Amino acid sequence: MRLVLLGPPGAGKGTQATRIVSRFAVPHDGFPRAVTQAEARDQGLALGGIKRDAVLELEVDADPLLARIRASAEEAASRGEPMRRDDNPEVSKTRLAVYHEQTAPVAEHDRSQGLLNIVDGLQPIAVVTEELAAALTAPSSPSDLAD
């Protein structure tokens, strides 16, 4: 199975990727992060006669996403753990801006190819996992699951 999992920083990609790897026994890498990389990926796969099975996007609005990141940082601090650099609100805002500028257009690239499945990433973790799994096992063509 070849798939792409998209979403802004803090949307839960790492959590969901771990669950997908376990459930579907597929490897995990962090690519593509820009449309040029997506186009290169598509060309490389086409040369090998390989297609992607799905593109999954975790959709999360900026304000709840930043609140989620702040809460994660506060929870870590309350346990006496050091704050990750990415959990700093200003760093998170910068990363989010970079995501919207460089990586979010990959979703439109994949939507144009009829491969994009959108899942509301603000739902409970288990619900997101089940919706992603349903998108991967659905016999019909991909659709926007968040609608």
Foldseek 3Di string as FASTA:
>chain_A
DAEAEAEAPQLCPVVLVVVCCVVVVDDDDHDDQAVVRVVVVVVVCVVVVHDHQAYEYADDDDPVSLVSLQVVQVVCVVVVHHGDPCSPSVNVVVRRVSSVVGRVVVQVVVVVVQHYEYDHSVDPPVVSNVVVVCQNPPPDTHDHPHD
